Amino acid sequence: MEQQRYNHRFLDAASDITLPQVSSKTMIEKHASKIYTHTVFYEFQEQVQMAPCSCAVRGFSEQENMHIINVEDAYRKHRIFQVAHNNESKETTCTCKMFERKGILCKHIIWIISGK
C-alpha cells in the first residue's frame, strides 16, 4: 500500500513539473498538455490524432442560436454524430458524450474546432 501511495505522489509531482510531448502543432493540443495530467493528456492526444483520419462533415444546419454539424465517424461504422455549438454561451457539445463521460474533448468536436 505504501508503494502505491509513493507511486501516486511521484506521478502527481511529475505531472506538475513536466509537460508531455505534443505530436502536432495545434494550439488545442499545446493547451491540453498544460492543463491535463499526463495520463489524461495522452487520451486527449489520441483523439487529436484520430480526428483527421476518421471525421468528415456530412451536414450543417442552424436552429436559433445553435450551429449543428453532422460529423461522420469512419472508425465507428460511419455513424453520424451531431456537434452543436451555441453562439451565445460558446458551449459546444457532441452526441457521443465523451466530454461528459471522461472530461476530454472528442475527436468530433476537435475536428470542428480545428476548422477542417
PDB file of N, CA and C in Angstrom:
ATOM      1  N   MET A   1       0.826  -1.187   0.000  1.00  0.00           N
ATOM      2  CA  MET A   1       0.000   0.000   0.000  1.00  0.00           C
ATOM      3  C   MET A   1       0.879   1.265   0.000  1.00  0.00           C
ATOM      4  N   GLU A   2       1.947   1.212   0.772  1.00  0.00           N
ATOM      5  CA  GLU A   2       2.857   2.360   0.822  1.00  0.00           C
ATOM      6  C   GLU A   2       3.518   2.610  -0.534  1.00  0.00           C
ATOM      7  N   GLN A   3       3.861   1.540  -1.239  1.00  0.00           N
ATOM      8  CA  GLN A   3       4.451   1.674  -2.576  1.00  0.00           C
ATOM      9  C   GLN A   3       3.462   2.342  -3.542  1.00  0.00           C
ATOM     10  N   GLN A   4       2.215   1.980  -3.436  1.00  0.00           N
ATOM     11  CA  GLN A   4       1.182   2.571  -4.288  1.00  0.00           C
ATOM     12  C   GLN A   4       1.044   4.067  -4.006  1.00  0.00           C
ATOM     13  N   ARG A   5       1.063   4.449  -2.741  1.00  0.00           N
ATOM     14  CA  ARG A   5       0.994   5.873  -2.379  1.00  0.00           C
ATOM     15  C   ARG A   5       2.205   6.631  -2.921  1.00  0.00           C
ATOM     16  N   TYR A   6       3.379   6.012  -2.783  1.00  0.00           N
ATOM     17  CA  TYR A   6       4.603   6.635  -3.287  1.00  0.00           C
ATOM     18  C   TYR A   6       4.497   6.848  -4.801  1.00  0.00           C
ATOM     19  N   ASN A   7       4.072   5.822  -5.526  1.00  0.00           N
ATOM     20  CA  ASN A   7       3.930   5.924  -6.983  1.00  0.00           C
ATOM     21  C   ASN A   7       2.942   7.018  -7.363  1.00  0.00           C
ATOM     22  N   HIS A   8       1.843   7.100  -6.642  1.00  0.00           N
ATOM     23  CA  HIS A   8       0.831   8.126  -6.910  1.00  0.00           C
ATOM     24  C   HIS A   8       1.419   9.525  -6.705  1.00  0.00           C
ATOM     25  N   ARG A   9       2.120   9.731  -5.591  1.00  0.00           N
ATOM     26  CA  ARG A   9       2.744  11.039  -5.322  1.00  0.00           C
ATOM     27  C   ARG A   9       3.808  11.357  -6.372  1.00  0.00           C
ATOM     28  N   PHE A  10       4.583  10.345  -6.759  1.00  0.00           N
ATOM     29  CA  PHE A  10       5.624  10.538  -7.768  1.00  0.00           C
ATOM     30  C   PHE A  10       5.014  10.976  -9.096  1.00  0.00           C
ATOM     31  N   LEU A  11       3.962  10.318  -9.545  1.00  0.00           N
ATOM     32  CA  LEU A  11       3.318  10.654 -10.814  1.00  0.00           C
ATOM     33  C   LEU A  11       2.655  12.023 -10.757  1.00  0.00           C
ATOM     34  N   ASP A  12       2.056  12.378  -9.626  1.00  0.00           N
ATOM     35  CA  ASP A  12       1.474  13.712  -9.468  1.00  0.00           C
ATOM     36  C   ASP A  12       2.549  14.782  -9.594  1.00  0.00           C
ATOM     37  N   ALA A  13       3.678  14.568  -8.935  1.00  0.00           N
ATOM     38  CA  ALA A  13       4.777  15.531  -8.998  1.00  0.00           C
ATOM     39  C   ALA A  13       5.320  15.646 -10.417  1.00  0.00           C
ATOM     40  N   ALA A  14       5.449  14.523 -11.102  1.00  0.00           N
ATOM     41  CA  ALA A  14       5.943  14.537 -12.479  1.00  0.00           C
ATOM     42  C   ALA A  14       5.002  15.315 -13.391  1.00  0.00           C
ATOM     43  N   SER A  15       3.698  15.178 -13.185  1.00  0.00           N
ATOM     44  CA  SER A  15       2.722  15.910 -13.993  1.00  0.00           C
ATOM     45  C   SER A  15       2.783  17.401 -13.709  1.00  0.00           C
ATOM     46  N   ASP A  16       3.126  17.768 -12.482  1.00  0.00           N
ATOM     47  CA  ASP A  16       3.184  19.181 -12.106  1.00  0.00           C
ATOM     48  C   ASP A  16       4.396  19.904 -12.680  1.00  0.00           C
ATOM     49  N   ILE A  17       5.513  19.207 -12.859  1.00  0.00           N
ATOM     50  CA  ILE A  17       6.742  19.897 -13.252  1.00  0.00           C
ATOM     51  C   ILE A  17       7.198  19.625 -14.681  1.00  0.00           C
ATOM     52  N   THR A  18       6.571  18.678 -15.367  1.00  0.00           N
ATOM     53  CA  THR A  18       6.949  18.390 -16.752  1.00  0.00           C
ATOM     54  C   THR A  18       5.727  18.455 -17.651  1.00  0.00           C
ATOM     55  N   LEU A  19       5.966  18.670 -18.927  1.00  0.00           N
ATOM     56  CA  LEU A  19       4.892  18.664 -19.915  1.00  0.00           C
ATOM     57  C   LEU A  19       5.079  17.467 -20.833  1.00  0.00           C
ATOM     58  N   PRO A  20       3.990  16.811 -21.206  1.00  0.00           N
ATOM     59  CA  PRO A  20       4.113  15.674 -22.124  1.00  0.00           C
ATOM     60  C   PRO A  20       4.474  16.145 -23.534  1.00  0.00           C
ATOM     61  N   GLN A  21       4.976  15.235 -24.326  1.00  0.00           N
ATOM     62  CA  GLN A  21       5.380  15.515 -25.704  1.00  0.00           C
ATOM     63  C   GLN A  21       4.138  15.715 -26.574  1.00  0.00           C
ATOM     64  N   VAL A  22       4.058  16.839 -27.294  1.00  0.00           N
ATOM     65  CA  VAL A  22       2.947  17.064 -28.215  1.00  0.00           C
ATOM     66  C   VAL A  22       3.335  16.526 -29.589  1.00  0.00           C
ATOM     67  N   SER A  23       2.369  15.979 -30.304  1.00  0.00           N
ATOM     68  CA  SER A  23       2.661  15.372 -31.606  1.00  0.00           C
ATOM     69  C   SER A  23       2.286  16.268 -32.777  1.00  0.00           C
ATOM     70  N   SER A  24       1.448  17.260 -32.523  1.00  0.00           N
ATOM     71  CA  SER A  24       1.061  18.181 -33.587  1.00  0.00           C
ATOM     72  C   SER A  24       1.366  19.600 -33.135  1.00  0.00           C
ATOM     73  N   LYS A  25       1.214  20.527 -34.027  1.00  0.00           N
ATOM     74  CA  LYS A  25       1.484  21.920 -33.679  1.00  0.00           C
ATOM     75  C   LYS A  25       0.192  22.695 -33.418  1.00  0.00           C
ATOM     76  N   THR A  26      -0.883  21.977 -33.142  1.00  0.00           N
ATOM     77  CA  THR A  26      -2.155  22.651 -32.904  1.00  0.00           C
ATOM     78  C   THR A  26      -2.156  23.319 -31.532  1.00  0.00           C
ATOM     79  N   MET A  27      -2.808  24.456 -31.461  1.00  0.00           N
ATOM     80  CA  MET A  27      -2.890  25.203 -30.206  1.00  0.00           C
ATOM     81  C   MET A  27      -3.676  24.424 -29.150  1.00  0.00           C
ATOM     82  N   ILE A  28      -4.694  23.709 -29.582  1.00  0.00           N
ATOM     83  CA  ILE A  28      -5.521  22.979 -28.624  1.00  0.00           C
ATOM     84  C   ILE A  28      -4.718  21.866 -27.948  1.00  0.00           C
ATOM     85  N   GLU A  29      -3.835  21.204 -28.683  1.00  0.00           N
ATOM     86  CA  GLU A  29      -3.012  20.156 -28.083  1.00  0.00           C
ATOM     87  C   GLU A  29      -1.969  20.755 -27.136  1.00  0.00           C
ATOM     88  N   LYS A  30      -1.373  21.876 -27.524  1.00  0.00           N
ATOM     89  CA  LYS A  30      -0.404  22.538 -26.645  1.00  0.00           C
ATOM     90  C   LYS A  30      -1.076  22.979 -25.349  1.00  0.00           C
ATOM     91  N   HIS A  31      -2.278  23.534 -25.461  1.00  0.00           N
ATOM     92  CA  HIS A  31      -3.019  23.961 -24.272  1.00  0.00           C
ATOM     93  C   HIS A  31      -3.352  22.767 -23.387  1.00  0.00           C
ATOM     94  N   ALA A  32      -3.802  21.681 -23.995  1.00  0.00           N
ATOM     95  CA  ALA A  32      -4.165  20.481 -23.229  1.00  0.00           C
ATOM     96  C   ALA A  32      -2.962  19.915 -22.491  1.00  0.00           C
ATOM     97  N   SER A  33      -1.772  20.020 -23.071  1.00  0.00           N
ATOM     98  CA  SER A  33      -0.575  19.486 -22.410  1.00  0.00           C
ATOM     99  C   SER A  33      -0.270  20.225 -21.115  1.00  0.00           C
ATOM    100  N   LYS A  34      -0.778  21.448 -21.004  1.00  0.00           N
ATOM    101  CA  LYS A  34      -0.538  22.250 -19.799  1.00  0.00           C
ATOM    102  C   LYS A  34      -1.599  22.049 -18.728  1.00  0.00           C
ATOM    103  N   ILE A  35      -2.801  21.637 -19.122  1.00  0.00           N
ATOM    104  CA  ILE A  35      -3.884  21.560 -18.127  1.00  0.00           C
ATOM    105  C   ILE A  35      -4.230  20.147 -17.686  1.00  0.00           C
ATOM    106  N   TYR A  36      -3.954  19.154 -18.508  1.00  0.00           N
ATOM    107  CA  TYR A  36      -4.277  17.775 -18.155  1.00  0.00           C
ATOM    108  C   TYR A  36      -3.082  17.088 -17.493  1.00  0.00           C
ATOM    109  N   THR A  37      -3.360  16.067 -16.694  1.00  0.00           N
ATOM    110  CA  THR A  37      -2.287  15.196 -16.239  1.00  0.00           C
ATOM    111  C   THR A  37      -1.767  14.435 -17.456  1.00  0.00           C
ATOM    112  N   HIS A  38      -0.595  13.832 -17.338  1.00  0.00           N
ATOM    113  CA  HIS A  38      -0.018  13.119 -18.475  1.00  0.00           C
ATOM    114  C   HIS A  38      -0.955  12.027 -18.982  1.00  0.00           C
ATOM    115  N   THR A  39      -1.531  11.261 -18.087  1.00  0.00           N
ATOM    116  CA  THR A  39      -2.394  10.151 -18.479  1.00  0.00           C
ATOM    117  C   THR A  39      -3.599  10.639 -19.268  1.00  0.00           C
ATOM    118  N   VAL A  40      -4.266  11.670 -18.768  1.00  0.00           N
ATOM    119  CA  VAL A  40      -5.439  12.214 -19.451  1.00  0.00           C
ATOM    120  C   VAL A  40      -5.025  12.873 -20.755  1.00  0.00           C
ATOM    121  N   PHE A  41      -3.886  13.567 -20.749  1.00  0.00           N
ATOM    122  CA  PHE A  41      -3.408  14.210 -21.966  1.00  0.00           C
ATOM    123  C   PHE A  41      -3.213  13.190 -23.084  1.00  0.00           C
ATOM    124  N   TYR A  42      -2.625  12.042 -22.779  1.00  0.00           N
ATOM    125  CA  TYR A  42      -2.389  11.048 -23.828  1.00  0.00           C
ATOM    126  C   TYR A  42      -3.699  10.500 -24.403  1.00  0.00           C
ATOM    127  N   GLU A  43      -4.744  10.424 -23.593  1.00  0.00           N
ATOM    128  CA  GLU A  43      -6.069  10.050 -24.120  1.00  0.00           C
ATOM    129  C   GLU A  43      -6.581  11.144 -25.055  1.00  0.00           C
ATOM    130  N   PHE A  44      -6.407  12.403 -24.638  1.00  0.00           N
ATOM    131  CA  PHE A  44      -6.821  13.533 -25.471  1.00  0.00           C
ATOM    132  C   PHE A  44      -6.022  13.554 -26.773  1.00  0.00           C
ATOM    133  N   GLN A  45      -4.720  13.337 -26.667  1.00  0.00           N
ATOM    134  CA  GLN A  45      -3.849  13.358 -27.837  1.00  0.00           C
ATOM    135  C   GLN A  45      -4.287  12.311 -28.872  1.00  0.00           C
ATOM    136  N   GLU A  46      -4.740  11.175 -28.390  1.00  0.00           N
ATOM    137  CA  GLU A  46      -5.246  10.139 -29.286  1.00  0.00           C
ATOM    138  C   GLU A  46      -6.445  10.664 -30.082  1.00  0.00           C
ATOM    139  N   GLN A  47      -7.319  11.413 -29.439  1.00  0.00           N
ATOM    140  CA  GLN A  47      -8.475  12.000 -30.129  1.00  0.00           C
ATOM    141  C   GLN A  47      -8.018  13.005 -31.184  1.00  0.00           C
ATOM    142  N   VAL A  48      -7.004  13.814 -30.858  1.00  0.00           N
ATOM    143  CA  VAL A  48      -6.464  14.797 -31.810  1.00  0.00           C
ATOM    144  C   VAL A  48      -5.900  14.083 -33.031  1.00  0.00           C
ATOM    145  N   GLN A  49      -5.175  13.003 -32.803  1.00  0.00           N
ATOM    146  CA  GLN A  49      -4.551  12.270 -33.904  1.00  0.00           C
ATOM    147  C   GLN A  49      -5.579  11.544 -34.768  1.00  0.00           C
ATOM    148  N   MET A  50      -6.667  11.087 -34.173  1.00  0.00           N
ATOM    149  CA  MET A  50      -7.678  10.345 -34.917  1.00  0.00           C
ATOM    150  C   MET A  50      -8.627  11.247 -35.708  1.00  0.00           C
ATOM    151  N   ALA A  51      -8.789  12.484 -35.284  1.00  0.00           N
ATOM    152  CA  ALA A  51      -9.773  13.379 -35.903  1.00  0.00           C
ATOM    153  C   ALA A  51      -9.623  13.509 -37.418  1.00  0.00           C
ATOM    154  N   PRO A  52      -8.438  13.822 -37.946  1.00  0.00           N
ATOM    155  CA  PRO A  52      -8.343  13.989 -39.407  1.00  0.00           C
ATOM    156  C   PRO A  52      -8.564  12.699 -40.185  1.00  0.00           C
ATOM    157  N   CYS A  53      -8.284  11.567 -39.573  1.00  0.00           N
ATOM    158  CA  CYS A  53      -8.394  10.279 -40.264  1.00  0.00           C
ATOM    159  C   CYS A  53      -9.809   9.721 -40.268  1.00  0.00           C
ATOM    160  N   SER A  54     -10.578  10.074 -39.244  1.00  0.00           N
ATOM    161  CA  SER A  54     -11.868   9.403 -39.098  1.00  0.00           C
ATOM    162  C   SER A  54     -13.078  10.308 -39.236  1.00  0.00           C
ATOM    163  N   CYS A  55     -12.900  11.618 -39.220  1.00  0.00           N
ATOM    164  CA  CYS A  55     -14.059  12.520 -39.207  1.00  0.00           C
ATOM    165  C   CYS A  55     -14.258  13.238 -40.541  1.00  0.00           C
ATOM    166  N   ALA A  56     -15.523  13.399 -40.893  1.00  0.00           N
ATOM    167  CA  ALA A  56     -15.889  14.144 -42.090  1.00  0.00           C
ATOM    168  C   ALA A  56     -17.227  14.824 -41.840  1.00  0.00           C
ATOM    169  N   VAL A  57     -17.328  16.078 -42.245  1.00  0.00           N
ATOM    170  CA  VAL A  57     -18.582  16.822 -42.082  1.00  0.00           C
ATOM    171  C   VAL A  57     -19.569  16.334 -43.130  1.00  0.00           C
ATOM    172  N   ARG A  58     -20.781  15.991 -42.696  1.00  0.00           N
ATOM    173  CA  ARG A  58     -21.812  15.468 -43.589  1.00  0.00           C
ATOM    174  C   ARG A  58     -23.082  16.311 -43.611  1.00  0.00           C
ATOM    175  N   GLY A  59     -23.062  17.440 -42.939  1.00  0.00           N
ATOM    176  CA  GLY A  59     -24.229  18.307 -42.963  1.00  0.00           C
ATOM    177  C   GLY A  59     -24.103  19.404 -41.942  1.00  0.00           C
ATOM    178  N   PHE A  60     -24.879  20.468 -42.189  1.00  0.00           N
ATOM    179  CA  PHE A  60     -24.820  21.627 -41.320  1.00  0.00           C
ATOM    180  C   PHE A  60     -26.199  22.267 -41.283  1.00  0.00           C
ATOM    181  N   SER A  61     -26.614  22.692 -40.104  1.00  0.00           N
ATOM    182  CA  SER A  61     -27.879  23.421 -40.000  1.00  0.00           C
ATOM    183  C   SER A  61     -27.789  24.423 -38.854  1.00  0.00           C
ATOM    184  N   GLU A  62     -28.742  25.345 -38.845  1.00  0.00           N
ATOM    185  CA  GLU A  62     -28.814  26.333 -37.776  1.00  0.00           C
ATOM    186  C   GLU A  62     -30.206  26.301 -37.175  1.00  0.00           C
ATOM    187  N   GLN A  63     -30.254  26.383 -35.853  1.00  0.00           N
ATOM    188  CA  GLN A  63     -31.515  26.452 -35.129  1.00  0.00           C
ATOM    189  C   GLN A  63     -31.359  27.499 -34.047  1.00  0.00           C
ATOM    190  N   GLU A  64     -32.091  28.596 -34.155  1.00  0.00           N
ATOM    191  CA  GLU A  64     -31.997  29.715 -33.216  1.00  0.00           C
ATOM    192  C   GLU A  64     -30.535  30.134 -33.067  1.00  0.00           C
ATOM    193  N   ASN A  65     -29.950  29.953 -31.895  1.00  0.00           N
ATOM    194  CA  ASN A  65     -28.564  30.366 -31.653  1.00  0.00           C
ATOM    195  C   ASN A  65     -27.581  29.197 -31.730  1.00  0.00           C
ATOM    196  N   MET A  66     -27.980  28.116 -32.372  1.00  0.00           N
ATOM    197  CA  MET A  66     -27.159  26.913 -32.420  1.00  0.00           C
ATOM    198  C   MET A  66     -26.722  26.592 -33.850  1.00  0.00           C
ATOM    199  N   HIS A  67     -25.457  26.235 -33.981  1.00  0.00           N
ATOM    200  CA  HIS A  67     -24.954  25.639 -35.214  1.00  0.00           C
ATOM    201  C   HIS A  67     -24.890  24.139 -34.945  1.00  0.00           C
ATOM    202  N   ILE A  68     -25.462  23.354 -35.821  1.00  0.00           N
ATOM    203  CA  ILE A  68     -25.445  21.905 -35.661  1.00  0.00           C
ATOM    204  C   ILE A  68     -24.733  21.301 -36.869  1.00  0.00           C
ATOM    205  N   ILE A  69     -23.656  20.584 -36.576  1.00  0.00           N
ATOM    206  CA  ILE A  69     -22.845  19.983 -37.618  1.00  0.00           C
ATOM    207  C   ILE A  69     -22.911  18.469 -37.477  1.00  0.00           C
ATOM    208  N   ASN A  70     -23.240  17.777 -38.563  1.00  0.00           N
ATOM    209  CA  ASN A  70     -23.247  16.317 -38.578  1.00  0.00           C
ATOM    210  C   ASN A  70     -21.863  15.836 -38.985  1.00  0.00           C
ATOM    211  N   VAL A  71     -21.251  15.047 -38.114  1.00  0.00           N
ATOM    212  CA  VAL A  71     -19.892  14.549 -38.353  1.00  0.00           C
ATOM    213  C   VAL A  71     -19.948  13.030 -38.468  1.00  0.00           C
ATOM    214  N   GLU A  72     -19.463  12.523 -39.593  1.00  0.00           N
ATOM    215  CA  GLU A  72     -19.398  11.076 -39.797  1.00  0.00           C
ATOM    216  C   GLU A  72     -18.089  10.549 -39.223  1.00  0.00           C
ATOM    217  N   ASP A  73     -18.178   9.458 -38.480  1.00  0.00           N
ATOM    218  CA  ASP A  73     -17.004   8.847 -37.861  1.00  0.00           C
ATOM    219  C   ASP A  73     -16.717   7.513 -38.551  1.00  0.00           C
ATOM    220  N   ALA A  74     -15.665   7.471 -39.340  1.00  0.00           N
ATOM    221  CA  ALA A  74     -15.324   6.269 -40.094  1.00  0.00           C
ATOM    222  C   ALA A  74     -14.918   5.108 -39.190  1.00  0.00           C
ATOM    223  N   TYR A  75     -14.353   5.404 -38.018  1.00  0.00           N
ATOM    224  CA  TYR A  75     -13.923   4.345 -37.103  1.00  0.00           C
ATOM    225  C   TYR A  75     -15.081   3.736 -36.333  1.00  0.00           C
ATOM    226  N   ARG A  76     -16.227   4.376 -36.354  1.00  0.00           N
ATOM    227  CA  ARG A  76     -17.390   3.851 -35.629  1.00  0.00           C
ATOM    228  C   ARG A  76     -18.482   3.479 -36.610  1.00  0.00           C
ATOM    229  N   LYS A  77     -18.110   2.702 -37.608  1.00  0.00           N
ATOM    230  CA  LYS A  77     -19.031   2.174 -38.614  1.00  0.00           C
ATOM    231  C   LYS A  77     -19.794   3.277 -39.347  1.00  0.00           C
ATOM    232  N   HIS A  78     -19.107   4.376 -39.609  1.00  0.00           N
ATOM    233  CA  HIS A  78     -19.646   5.523 -40.350  1.00  0.00           C
ATOM    234  C   HIS A  78     -20.881   6.125 -39.668  1.00  0.00           C
ATOM    235  N   ARG A  79     -20.911   6.020 -38.370  1.00  0.00           N
ATOM    236  CA  ARG A  79     -22.009   6.597 -37.593  1.00  0.00           C
ATOM    237  C   ARG A  79     -21.919   8.127 -37.624  1.00  0.00           C
ATOM    238  N   ILE A  80     -23.070   8.764 -37.614  1.00  0.00           N
ATOM    239  CA  ILE A  80     -23.143  10.224 -37.638  1.00  0.00           C
ATOM    240  C   ILE A  80     -23.360  10.741 -36.216  1.00  0.00           C
ATOM    241  N   PHE A  81     -22.513  11.691 -35.808  1.00  0.00           N
ATOM    242  CA  PHE A  81     -22.653  12.352 -34.509  1.00  0.00           C
ATOM    243  C   PHE A  81     -22.958  13.824 -34.757  1.00  0.00           C
ATOM    244  N   GLN A  82     -23.753  14.402 -33.885  1.00  0.00           N
ATOM    245  CA  GLN A  82     -24.100  15.817 -34.021  1.00  0.00           C
ATOM    246  C   GLN A  82     -23.287  16.641 -33.033  1.00  0.00           C
ATOM    247  N   VAL A  83     -22.569  17.615 -33.584  1.00  0.00           N
ATOM    248  CA  VAL A  83     -21.831  18.572 -32.767  1.00  0.00           C
ATOM    249  C   VAL A  83     -22.642  19.860 -32.791  1.00  0.00           C
ATOM    250  N   ALA A  84     -23.041  20.333 -31.620  1.00  0.00           N
ATOM    251  CA  ALA A  84     -23.862  21.543 -31.507  1.00  0.00           C
ATOM    252  C   ALA A  84     -23.047  22.637 -30.832  1.00  0.00           C
ATOM    253  N   HIS A  85     -23.041  23.810 -31.440  1.00  0.00           N
ATOM    254  CA  HIS A  85     -22.318  24.952 -30.877  1.00  0.00           C
ATOM    255  C   HIS A  85     -23.309  26.083 -30.630  1.00  0.00           C
ATOM    256  N   ASN A  86     -23.387  26.530 -29.383  1.00  0.00           N
ATOM    257  CA  ASN A  86     -24.262  27.638 -29.005  1.00  0.00           C
ATOM    258  C   ASN A  86     -23.485  28.937 -29.180  1.00  0.00           C
ATOM    259  N   ASN A  87     -23.985  29.815 -30.048  1.00  0.00           N
ATOM    260  CA  ASN A  87     -23.282  31.064 -30.339  1.00  0.00           C
ATOM    261  C   ASN A  87     -23.233  32.011 -29.147  1.00  0.00           C
ATOM    262  N   GLU A  88     -24.265  32.007 -28.323  1.00  0.00           N
ATOM    263  CA  GLU A  88     -24.306  32.930 -27.175  1.00  0.00           C
ATOM    264  C   GLU A  88     -23.400  32.469 -26.042  1.00  0.00           C
ATOM    265  N   SER A  89     -23.540  31.227 -25.627  1.00  0.00           N
ATOM    266  CA  SER A  89     -22.769  30.726 -24.479  1.00  0.00           C
ATOM    267  C   SER A  89     -21.401  30.191 -24.892  1.00  0.00           C
ATOM    268  N   LYS A  90     -21.170  30.021 -26.202  1.00  0.00           N
ATOM    269  CA  LYS A  90     -19.927  29.451 -26.739  1.00  0.00           C
ATOM    270  C   LYS A  90     -19.702  28.006 -26.285  1.00  0.00           C
ATOM    271  N   GLU A  91     -20.761  27.333 -25.870  1.00  0.00           N
ATOM    272  CA  GLU A  91     -20.685  25.941 -25.444  1.00  0.00           C
ATOM    273  C   GLU A  91     -20.829  25.022 -26.646  1.00  0.00           C
ATOM    274  N   THR A  92     -20.005  23.981 -26.685  1.00  0.00           N
ATOM    275  CA  THR A  92     -20.054  23.005 -27.762  1.00  0.00           C
ATOM    276  C   THR A  92     -20.250  21.622 -27.159  1.00  0.00           C
ATOM    277  N   THR A  93     -21.187  20.865 -27.714  1.00  0.00           N
ATOM    278  CA  THR A  93     -21.454  19.509 -27.225  1.00  0.00           C
ATOM    279  C   THR A  93     -21.491  18.544 -28.408  1.00  0.00           C
ATOM    280  N   CYS A  94     -21.331  17.265 -28.092  1.00  0.00           N
ATOM    281  CA  CYS A  94     -21.398  16.216 -29.108  1.00  0.00           C
ATOM    282  C   CYS A  94     -22.276  15.093 -28.588  1.00  0.00           C
ATOM    283  N   THR A  95     -22.987  14.449 -29.491  1.00  0.00           N
ATOM    284  CA  THR A  95     -23.874  13.356 -29.088  1.00  0.00           C
ATOM    285  C   THR A  95     -23.122  12.109 -28.646  1.00  0.00           C
ATOM    286  N   CYS A  96     -21.816  12.029 -28.863  1.00  0.00           N
ATOM    287  CA  CYS A  96     -21.054  10.877 -28.360  1.00  0.00           C
ATOM    288  C   CYS A  96     -20.841  10.977 -26.850  1.00  0.00           C
ATOM    289  N   LYS A  97     -20.966  12.177 -26.293  1.00  0.00           N
ATOM    290  CA  LYS A  97     -20.894  12.423 -24.840  1.00  0.00           C
ATOM    291  C   LYS A  97     -19.550  12.062 -24.200  1.00  0.00           C
ATOM    292  N   MET A  98     -18.471  12.087 -24.960  1.00  0.00           N
ATOM    293  CA  MET A  98     -17.170  11.759 -24.376  1.00  0.00           C
ATOM    294  C   MET A  98     -16.767  12.767 -23.300  1.00  0.00           C
ATOM    295  N   PHE A  99     -17.019  14.050 -23.544  1.00  0.00           N
ATOM    296  CA  PHE A  99     -16.640  15.054 -22.542  1.00  0.00           C
ATOM    297  C   PHE A  99     -17.394  14.829 -21.233  1.00  0.00           C
ATOM    298  N   GLU A 100     -18.662  14.503 -21.339  1.00  0.00           N
ATOM    299  CA  GLU A 100     -19.458  14.253 -20.140  1.00  0.00           C
ATOM    300  C   GLU A 100     -18.996  12.987 -19.410  1.00  0.00           C
ATOM    301  N   ARG A 101     -18.537  11.983 -20.149  1.00  0.00           N
ATOM    302  CA  ARG A 101     -18.108  10.723 -19.538  1.00  0.00           C
ATOM    303  C   ARG A 101     -16.671  10.756 -19.036  1.00  0.00           C
ATOM    304  N   LYS A 102     -15.742  11.347 -19.819  1.00  0.00           N
ATOM    305  CA  LYS A 102     -14.322  11.264 -19.496  1.00  0.00           C
ATOM    306  C   LYS A 102     -13.662  12.594 -19.171  1.00  0.00           C
ATOM    307  N   GLY A 103     -14.341  13.694 -19.510  1.00  0.00           N
ATOM    308  CA  GLY A 103     -13.749  15.004 -19.237  1.00  0.00           C
ATOM    309  C   GLY A 103     -12.761  15.478 -20.288  1.00  0.00           C
ATOM    310  N   ILE A 104     -12.756  14.824 -21.456  1.00  0.00           N
ATOM    311  CA  ILE A 104     -11.892  15.276 -22.551  1.00  0.00           C
ATOM    312  C   ILE A 104     -12.734  15.467 -23.807  1.00  0.00           C
ATOM    313  N   LEU A 105     -12.282  16.380 -24.661  1.00  0.00           N
ATOM    314  CA  LEU A 105     -12.999  16.615 -25.906  1.00  0.00           C
ATOM    315  C   LEU A 105     -12.858  15.423 -26.838  1.00  0.00           C
ATOM    316  N   CYS A 106     -13.925  15.140 -27.554  1.00  0.00           N
ATOM    317  CA  CYS A 106     -13.909  14.040 -28.527  1.00  0.00           C
ATOM    318  C   CYS A 106     -13.326  14.522 -29.852  1.00  0.00           C
ATOM    319  N   LYS A 107     -12.977  13.574 -30.683  1.00  0.00           N
ATOM    320  CA  LYS A 107     -12.409  13.881 -31.996  1.00  0.00           C
ATOM    321  C   LYS A 107     -13.392  14.646 -32.878  1.00  0.00           C
ATOM    322  N   HIS A 108     -14.702  14.457 -32.654  1.00  0.00           N
ATOM    323  CA  HIS A 108     -15.709  15.150 -33.467  1.00  0.00           C
ATOM    324  C   HIS A 108     -15.674  16.653 -33.198  1.00  0.00           C
ATOM    325  N   ILE A 109     -15.616  17.021 -31.918  1.00  0.00           N
ATOM    326  CA  ILE A 109     -15.532  18.444 -31.562  1.00  0.00           C
ATOM    327  C   ILE A 109     -14.181  19.000 -31.987  1.00  0.00           C
ATOM    328  N   ILE A 110     -13.113  18.262 -31.769  1.00  0.00           N
ATOM    329  CA  ILE A 110     -11.777  18.718 -32.162  1.00  0.00           C
ATOM    330  C   ILE A 110     -11.734  18.996 -33.656  1.00  0.00           C
ATOM    331  N   TRP A 111     -12.365  18.115 -34.445  1.00  0.00           N
ATOM    332  CA  TRP A 111     -12.385  18.277 -35.905  1.00  0.00           C
ATOM    333  C   TRP A 111     -13.098  19.583 -36.273  1.00  0.00           C
ATOM    334  N   ILE A 112     -14.209  19.868 -35.620  1.00  0.00           N
ATOM    335  CA  ILE A 112     -14.981  21.083 -35.929  1.00  0.00           C
ATOM    336  C   ILE A 112     -14.224  22.328 -35.453  1.00  0.00           C
ATOM    337  N   ILE A 113     -13.667  22.272 -34.237  1.00  0.00           N
ATOM    338  CA  ILE A 113     -12.932  23.416 -33.680  1.00  0.00           C
ATOM    339  C   ILE A 113     -11.706  23.748 -34.544  1.00  0.00           C
ATOM    340  N   SER A 114     -11.067  22.720 -35.066  1.00  0.00           N
ATOM    341  CA  SER A 114      -9.854  22.948 -35.865  1.00  0.00           C
ATOM    342  C   SER A 114     -10.166  23.555 -37.236  1.00  0.00           C
ATOM    343  N   GLY A 115     -11.439  23.623 -37.582  1.00  0.00           N
ATOM    344  CA  GLY A 115     -11.848  24.294 -38.816  1.00  0.00           C
ATOM    345  C   GLY A 115     -11.646  23.501 -40.075  1.00  0.00           C
ATOM    346  N   LYS A 116     -11.649  22.204 -39.986  1.00  0.00           N
ATOM    347  CA  LYS A 116     -11.423  21.357 -41.171  1.00  0.00           C
ATOM    348  C   LYS A 116     -12.657  21.230 -42.016  1.00  0.00           C
TER     349      LYS A 116
END
